[in-house]
Amino acid sequence: MTTKHHPNREFDLNNELAAKPFFKIGEVAKLVGVKPHVIRYWETEFPSLTPKKNPSGQRIYVKGDIEAIVEIKNLLYNERYTISGARQMLNRQKEVSGNPPAMDATRVQALVSLRELIYELLTLLERQPTL
């Protein structure tokens, strides 16, 4: 089931994340709307996704881990990236923002495009003769 970005769902997720400092994989799966095996698979494909384990070996996810999972899900399910493409986009986001990949991929693309347009405009303006 594909879910589109929904502001109320994001608000609910933020409330859930504020309620507890850490979550188990089943809880994360319910919050994000994917099966636990999908999250485990993503851990093998996305190096930035590395939850800690408690003494009994259960995965423990913190807010940053869950935000990364939400971003991965958005790239794969909504933006329709391949695993490889999503990995590249997350790496680009990290380079552009200097932060962990929590920023929306579309916003990053828009900022990169805007920066390129500004440089093109500056180049054109420098070539224009002064009146």
N, C-alpha and C. Protein backbone atom coordinates (compact mmCIF):
# COMPACT_ATOMS: atom_id res chain seq x y z
N MET A 1 0.84 -1.19 0.00
CA MET A 1 0.00 0.00 0.00
C MET A 1 0.87 1.24 0.00
N THR A 2 0.69 2.11 -0.95
CA THR A 2 1.47 3.33 -1.05
C THR A 2 0.72 4.44 -0.35
N THR A 3 1.43 5.15 0.51
CA THR A 3 0.82 6.28 1.19
C THR A 3 1.50 7.55 0.73
N LYS A 4 0.72 8.54 0.38
CA LYS A 4 1.25 9.83 -0.02
C LYS A 4 1.58 10.63 1.23
N HIS A 5 2.42 11.64 1.06
CA HIS A 5 2.78 12.51 2.17
C HIS A 5 1.52 13.17 2.70
N HIS A 6 1.30 13.07 3.98
CA HIS A 6 0.10 13.59 4.59
C HIS A 6 0.50 14.39 5.83
N PRO A 7 0.21 15.71 5.88
CA PRO A 7 0.64 16.54 7.00
C PRO A 7 0.16 16.04 8.36
N ASN A 8 -1.08 15.55 8.45
CA ASN A 8 -1.60 15.07 9.74
C ASN A 8 -0.83 13.85 10.21
N ARG A 9 -0.45 12.97 9.28
CA ARG A 9 0.32 11.77 9.64
C ARG A 9 1.69 12.18 10.18
N GLU A 10 2.29 13.20 9.55
CA GLU A 10 3.59 13.69 10.03
C GLU A 10 3.46 14.24 11.44
N PHE A 11 2.38 14.96 11.71
CA PHE A 11 2.13 15.50 13.04
C PHE A 11 1.97 14.38 14.05
N ASP A 12 1.21 13.33 13.68
CA ASP A 12 1.03 12.17 14.57
C ASP A 12 2.37 11.51 14.85
N LEU A 13 3.20 11.35 13.82
CA LEU A 13 4.50 10.72 13.98
C LEU A 13 5.37 11.54 14.93
N ASN A 14 5.35 12.87 14.77
CA ASN A 14 6.14 13.72 15.67
C ASN A 14 5.68 13.57 17.12
N ASN A 15 4.37 13.47 17.33
CA ASN A 15 3.85 13.26 18.68
C ASN A 15 4.33 11.93 19.26
N GLU A 16 4.29 10.89 18.43
CA GLU A 16 4.75 9.57 18.87
C GLU A 16 6.24 9.60 19.22
N LEU A 17 7.03 10.27 18.38
CA LEU A 17 8.47 10.33 18.61
C LEU A 17 8.80 11.10 19.89
N ALA A 18 8.00 12.09 20.19
CA ALA A 18 8.23 12.88 21.40
C ALA A 18 7.85 12.11 22.66
N ALA A 19 6.99 11.12 22.52
CA ALA A 19 6.48 10.40 23.68
C ALA A 19 7.49 9.43 24.28
N LYS A 20 8.41 8.90 23.47
CA LYS A 20 9.36 7.89 23.96
C LYS A 20 10.75 8.17 23.40
N PRO A 21 11.78 7.80 24.14
CA PRO A 21 13.14 8.04 23.63
C PRO A 21 13.60 6.99 22.62
N PHE A 22 13.03 5.79 22.66
CA PHE A 22 13.43 4.75 21.72
C PHE A 22 12.26 3.81 21.44
N PHE A 23 12.39 3.10 20.31
CA PHE A 23 11.32 2.20 19.86
C PHE A 23 11.91 0.89 19.38
N LYS A 24 11.14 -0.19 19.49
CA LYS A 24 11.52 -1.49 18.95
C LYS A 24 11.08 -1.55 17.48
N ILE A 25 11.62 -2.51 16.75
CA ILE A 25 11.35 -2.58 15.31
C ILE A 25 9.87 -2.73 14.99
N GLY A 26 9.12 -3.49 15.78
CA GLY A 26 7.69 -3.64 15.53
C GLY A 26 6.95 -2.32 15.69
N GLU A 27 7.35 -1.54 16.68
CA GLU A 27 6.72 -0.24 16.90
C GLU A 27 7.03 0.71 15.74
N VAL A 28 8.29 0.68 15.28
CA VAL A 28 8.69 1.53 14.16
C VAL A 28 7.93 1.13 12.90
N ALA A 29 7.81 -0.17 12.68
CA ALA A 29 7.09 -0.66 11.51
C ALA A 29 5.65 -0.14 11.50
N LYS A 30 4.99 -0.18 12.66
CA LYS A 30 3.62 0.32 12.74
C LYS A 30 3.57 1.83 12.50
N LEU A 31 4.48 2.57 13.12
CA LEU A 31 4.51 4.03 12.96
C LEU A 31 4.69 4.44 11.50
N VAL A 32 5.60 3.76 10.83
CA VAL A 32 5.99 4.15 9.47
C VAL A 32 5.07 3.51 8.42
N GLY A 33 4.50 2.37 8.74
CA GLY A 33 3.59 1.72 7.80
C GLY A 33 4.26 0.73 6.86
N VAL A 34 5.31 0.07 7.34
CA VAL A 34 5.96 -0.99 6.57
C VAL A 34 6.16 -2.19 7.50
N LYS A 35 6.47 -3.33 6.94
CA LYS A 35 6.70 -4.53 7.74
C LYS A 35 8.12 -4.51 8.32
N PRO A 36 8.32 -5.16 9.47
CA PRO A 36 9.66 -5.19 10.08
C PRO A 36 10.74 -5.74 9.15
N HIS A 37 10.41 -6.76 8.33
CA HIS A 37 11.44 -7.30 7.44
C HIS A 37 11.91 -6.28 6.40
N VAL A 38 11.02 -5.35 6.05
CA VAL A 38 11.39 -4.28 5.10
C VAL A 38 12.43 -3.37 5.75
N ILE A 39 12.22 -3.03 7.00
CA ILE A 39 13.16 -2.17 7.72
C ILE A 39 14.51 -2.88 7.84
N ARG A 40 14.49 -4.17 8.18
CA ARG A 40 15.75 -4.92 8.28
C ARG A 40 16.47 -4.94 6.93
N TYR A 41 15.73 -5.09 5.84
CA TYR A 41 16.34 -5.06 4.51
C TYR A 41 16.95 -3.69 4.23
N TRP A 42 16.22 -2.63 4.55
CA TRP A 42 16.75 -1.29 4.31
C TRP A 42 18.04 -1.06 5.09
N GLU A 43 18.15 -1.66 6.26
CA GLU A 43 19.38 -1.53 7.04
C GLU A 43 20.58 -2.09 6.28
N THR A 44 20.35 -3.13 5.47
CA THR A 44 21.45 -3.70 4.69
C THR A 44 21.79 -2.84 3.48
N GLU A 45 20.84 -2.06 3.01
CA GLU A 45 21.03 -1.27 1.79
C GLU A 45 21.43 0.19 2.03
N PHE A 46 21.14 0.72 3.21
CA PHE A 46 21.41 2.12 3.50
C PHE A 46 22.36 2.19 4.71
N PRO A 47 23.63 2.47 4.46
CA PRO A 47 24.62 2.48 5.55
C PRO A 47 24.31 3.47 6.67
N SER A 48 23.57 4.52 6.36
CA SER A 48 23.25 5.52 7.39
C SER A 48 22.23 4.99 8.40
N LEU A 49 21.57 3.91 8.06
CA LEU A 49 20.54 3.34 8.93
C LEU A 49 21.15 2.21 9.76
N THR A 50 21.61 2.57 10.96
CA THR A 50 22.26 1.58 11.84
C THR A 50 21.76 1.74 13.27
N PRO A 51 20.62 1.12 13.58
CA PRO A 51 20.11 1.24 14.95
C PRO A 51 21.01 0.50 15.94
N LYS A 52 20.97 0.94 17.16
CA LYS A 52 21.70 0.26 18.23
C LYS A 52 20.92 -0.98 18.63
N LYS A 53 21.57 -1.86 19.38
CA LYS A 53 20.88 -3.05 19.90
C LYS A 53 20.95 -3.02 21.42
N ASN A 54 19.87 -3.48 22.07
CA ASN A 54 19.87 -3.55 23.53
C ASN A 54 20.61 -4.82 23.96
N PRO A 55 20.81 -5.02 25.26
CA PRO A 55 21.55 -6.20 25.72
C PRO A 55 20.97 -7.54 25.25
N SER A 56 19.67 -7.59 24.99
CA SER A 56 19.09 -8.85 24.52
C SER A 56 19.16 -8.98 22.99
N GLY A 57 19.76 -8.00 22.30
CA GLY A 57 19.96 -8.08 20.87
C GLY A 57 18.85 -7.47 20.03
N GLN A 58 17.83 -6.89 20.66
CA GLN A 58 16.75 -6.26 19.90
C GLN A 58 17.20 -4.91 19.38
N ARG A 59 16.77 -4.59 18.18
CA ARG A 59 17.09 -3.29 17.59
C ARG A 59 16.35 -2.21 18.36
N ILE A 60 17.06 -1.11 18.63
CA ILE A 60 16.47 0.03 19.32
C ILE A 60 16.63 1.25 18.41
N TYR A 61 15.52 1.84 18.04
CA TYR A 61 15.52 2.98 17.12
C TYR A 61 15.25 4.27 17.88
N VAL A 62 16.03 5.29 17.58
CA VAL A 62 15.83 6.61 18.15
C VAL A 62 15.20 7.50 17.08
N LYS A 63 14.87 8.73 17.44
CA LYS A 63 14.17 9.64 16.54
C LYS A 63 14.89 9.78 15.19
N GLY A 64 16.19 9.95 15.19
CA GLY A 64 16.94 10.10 13.93
C GLY A 64 16.83 8.89 13.03
N ASP A 65 16.85 7.69 13.63
CA ASP A 65 16.69 6.46 12.85
C ASP A 65 15.31 6.43 12.17
N ILE A 66 14.29 6.80 12.92
CA ILE A 66 12.93 6.76 12.41
C ILE A 66 12.74 7.81 11.31
N GLU A 67 13.32 8.98 11.50
CA GLU A 67 13.25 10.01 10.46
C GLU A 67 13.93 9.53 9.18
N ALA A 68 15.05 8.83 9.32
CA ALA A 68 15.75 8.28 8.15
C ALA A 68 14.88 7.23 7.46
N ILE A 69 14.20 6.39 8.23
CA ILE A 69 13.32 5.37 7.66
C ILE A 69 12.16 6.03 6.91
N VAL A 70 11.60 7.09 7.48
CA VAL A 70 10.50 7.81 6.82
C VAL A 70 11.01 8.40 5.50
N GLU A 71 12.20 8.96 5.50
CA GLU A 71 12.76 9.55 4.28
C GLU A 71 13.01 8.46 3.23
N ILE A 72 13.54 7.33 3.65
CA ILE A 72 13.77 6.22 2.72
C ILE A 72 12.45 5.75 2.13
N LYS A 73 11.45 5.60 2.98
CA LYS A 73 10.13 5.17 2.49
C LYS A 73 9.58 6.19 1.49
N ASN A 74 9.72 7.46 1.78
CA ASN A 74 9.24 8.50 0.86
C ASN A 74 9.94 8.40 -0.49
N LEU A 75 11.27 8.25 -0.47
CA LEU A 75 12.01 8.15 -1.72
C LEU A 75 11.61 6.92 -2.52
N LEU A 76 11.42 5.80 -1.85
CA LEU A 76 11.12 4.55 -2.56
C LEU A 76 9.65 4.46 -2.98
N TYR A 77 8.74 4.81 -2.10
CA TYR A 77 7.32 4.59 -2.38
C TYR A 77 6.64 5.77 -3.05
N ASN A 78 6.96 6.99 -2.62
CA ASN A 78 6.29 8.17 -3.18
C ASN A 78 7.05 8.76 -4.36
N GLU A 79 8.35 8.93 -4.21
CA GLU A 79 9.17 9.51 -5.27
C GLU A 79 9.54 8.47 -6.33
N ARG A 80 9.36 7.19 -6.01
CA ARG A 80 9.56 6.06 -6.93
C ARG A 80 11.03 5.86 -7.34
N TYR A 81 11.95 6.16 -6.43
CA TYR A 81 13.37 5.89 -6.68
C TYR A 81 13.62 4.39 -6.52
N THR A 82 14.68 3.91 -7.19
CA THR A 82 15.15 2.57 -6.93
C THR A 82 15.96 2.61 -5.64
N ILE A 83 16.34 1.46 -5.12
CA ILE A 83 17.18 1.43 -3.91
C ILE A 83 18.46 2.21 -4.17
N SER A 84 19.10 1.94 -5.30
CA SER A 84 20.35 2.62 -5.65
C SER A 84 20.14 4.12 -5.79
N GLY A 85 19.07 4.51 -6.46
CA GLY A 85 18.77 5.93 -6.64
C GLY A 85 18.48 6.63 -5.32
N ALA A 86 17.75 5.96 -4.44
CA ALA A 86 17.46 6.53 -3.12
C ALA A 86 18.74 6.69 -2.32
N ARG A 87 19.63 5.70 -2.40
CA ARG A 87 20.91 5.79 -1.70
C ARG A 87 21.71 6.99 -2.20
N GLN A 88 21.74 7.18 -3.52
CA GLN A 88 22.45 8.32 -4.10
C GLN A 88 21.82 9.64 -3.67
N MET A 89 20.49 9.69 -3.66
CA MET A 89 19.80 10.91 -3.25
C MET A 89 20.11 11.25 -1.79
N LEU A 90 20.12 10.25 -0.92
CA LEU A 90 20.45 10.49 0.48
C LEU A 90 21.88 10.99 0.62
N ASN A 91 22.79 10.44 -0.16
CA ASN A 91 24.18 10.91 -0.13
C ASN A 91 24.28 12.35 -0.62
N ARG A 92 23.52 12.68 -1.68
CA ARG A 92 23.51 14.06 -2.19
C ARG A 92 22.95 15.01 -1.15
N GLN A 93 21.88 14.59 -0.49
CA GLN A 93 21.27 15.44 0.54
C GLN A 93 22.28 15.72 1.64
N LYS A 94 23.01 14.70 2.02
CA LYS A 94 24.00 14.84 3.08
C LYS A 94 25.09 15.83 2.66
N GLU A 95 25.54 15.73 1.40
CA GLU A 95 26.57 16.64 0.88
C GLU A 95 26.05 18.07 0.82
N VAL A 96 24.84 18.26 0.28
CA VAL A 96 24.28 19.60 0.09
C VAL A 96 23.98 20.27 1.42
N SER A 97 23.34 19.53 2.31
CA SER A 97 22.90 20.14 3.56
C SER A 97 23.95 20.08 4.66
N GLY A 98 24.88 19.14 4.54
CA GLY A 98 25.85 18.95 5.61
C GLY A 98 25.24 18.31 6.83
N ASN A 99 23.99 17.89 6.72
CA ASN A 99 23.26 17.28 7.84
C ASN A 99 22.87 15.86 7.47
N PRO A 100 22.46 15.06 8.45
CA PRO A 100 21.92 13.74 8.13
C PRO A 100 20.72 13.89 7.21
N PRO A 101 20.40 12.87 6.42
CA PRO A 101 19.37 13.00 5.41
C PRO A 101 17.95 13.01 5.97
N ALA A 102 17.57 14.12 6.59
CA ALA A 102 16.22 14.24 7.10
C ALA A 102 15.40 15.22 6.26
N MET A 103 16.09 15.96 5.37
CA MET A 103 15.41 16.94 4.54
C MET A 103 14.68 16.23 3.40
N ASP A 104 13.54 16.74 3.02
CA ASP A 104 12.76 16.18 1.93
C ASP A 104 13.56 16.23 0.63
N ALA A 105 13.59 15.12 -0.09
CA ALA A 105 14.39 15.00 -1.32
C ALA A 105 13.97 16.04 -2.35
N THR A 106 12.69 16.30 -2.46
CA THR A 106 12.20 17.27 -3.44
C THR A 106 12.73 18.66 -3.11
N ARG A 107 12.77 18.99 -1.84
CA ARG A 107 13.27 20.29 -1.42
C ARG A 107 14.75 20.43 -1.74
N VAL A 108 15.51 19.38 -1.51
CA VAL A 108 16.94 19.41 -1.82
C VAL A 108 17.15 19.61 -3.31
N GLN A 109 16.41 18.87 -4.12
CA GLN A 109 16.52 19.02 -5.57
C GLN A 109 16.19 20.44 -6.00
N ALA A 110 15.15 21.01 -5.42
CA ALA A 110 14.76 22.37 -5.75
C ALA A 110 15.86 23.36 -5.37
N LEU A 111 16.47 23.17 -4.22
CA LEU A 111 17.55 24.07 -3.80
C LEU A 111 18.77 23.96 -4.70
N VAL A 112 19.11 22.75 -5.09
CA VAL A 112 20.25 22.55 -5.99
C VAL A 112 19.97 23.20 -7.33
N SER A 113 18.76 23.01 -7.86
CA SER A 113 18.38 23.62 -9.13
C SER A 113 18.40 25.14 -9.04
N LEU A 114 17.89 25.67 -7.95
CA LEU A 114 17.88 27.12 -7.74
C LEU A 114 19.30 27.68 -7.71
N ARG A 115 20.20 26.98 -7.02
CA ARG A 115 21.58 27.43 -6.95
C ARG A 115 22.22 27.44 -8.34
N GLU A 116 21.94 26.42 -9.14
CA GLU A 116 22.48 26.36 -10.51
C GLU A 116 21.93 27.51 -11.35
N LEU A 117 20.65 27.80 -11.21
CA LEU A 117 20.06 28.92 -11.96
C LEU A 117 20.68 30.26 -11.56
N ILE A 118 20.94 30.44 -10.29
CA ILE A 118 21.55 31.68 -9.82
C ILE A 118 22.94 31.84 -10.42
N TYR A 119 23.72 30.77 -10.44
CA TYR A 119 25.05 30.83 -11.05
C TYR A 119 24.96 31.15 -12.54
N GLU A 120 23.99 30.56 -13.24
CA GLU A 120 23.80 30.86 -14.66
C GLU A 120 23.45 32.32 -14.87
N LEU A 121 22.55 32.85 -14.04
CA LEU A 121 22.17 34.27 -14.14
C LEU A 121 23.37 35.18 -13.87
N LEU A 122 24.15 34.85 -12.87
CA LEU A 122 25.33 35.67 -12.58
C LEU A 122 26.31 35.65 -13.74
N THR A 123 26.48 34.50 -14.35
CA THR A 123 27.37 34.39 -15.51
C THR A 123 26.86 35.24 -16.66
N LEU A 124 25.55 35.18 -16.91
CA LEU A 124 24.97 36.01 -17.98
C LEU A 124 25.13 37.49 -17.69
N LEU A 125 24.91 37.89 -16.47
CA LEU A 125 25.03 39.30 -16.10
C LEU A 125 26.47 39.78 -16.23
N GLU A 126 27.42 38.95 -15.92
CA GLU A 126 28.83 39.34 -16.04
C GLU A 126 29.21 39.54 -17.50
N ARG A 127 28.58 38.83 -18.42
CA ARG A 127 28.89 38.93 -19.86
C ARG A 127 28.24 40.15 -20.51
N GLN A 128 27.20 40.69 -19.89
CA GLN A 128 26.49 41.83 -20.47
C GLN A 128 27.34 43.08 -20.41
N PRO A 129 27.39 43.84 -21.51
CA PRO A 129 28.14 45.10 -21.47
C PRO A 129 27.40 46.12 -20.58
N THR A 130 28.17 46.90 -19.90
CA THR A 130 27.56 47.93 -19.02
C THR A 130 27.14 49.12 -19.88
N LEU A 131 26.03 49.72 -19.51
CA LEU A 131 25.52 50.87 -20.27
C LEU A 131 26.01 52.16 -19.74
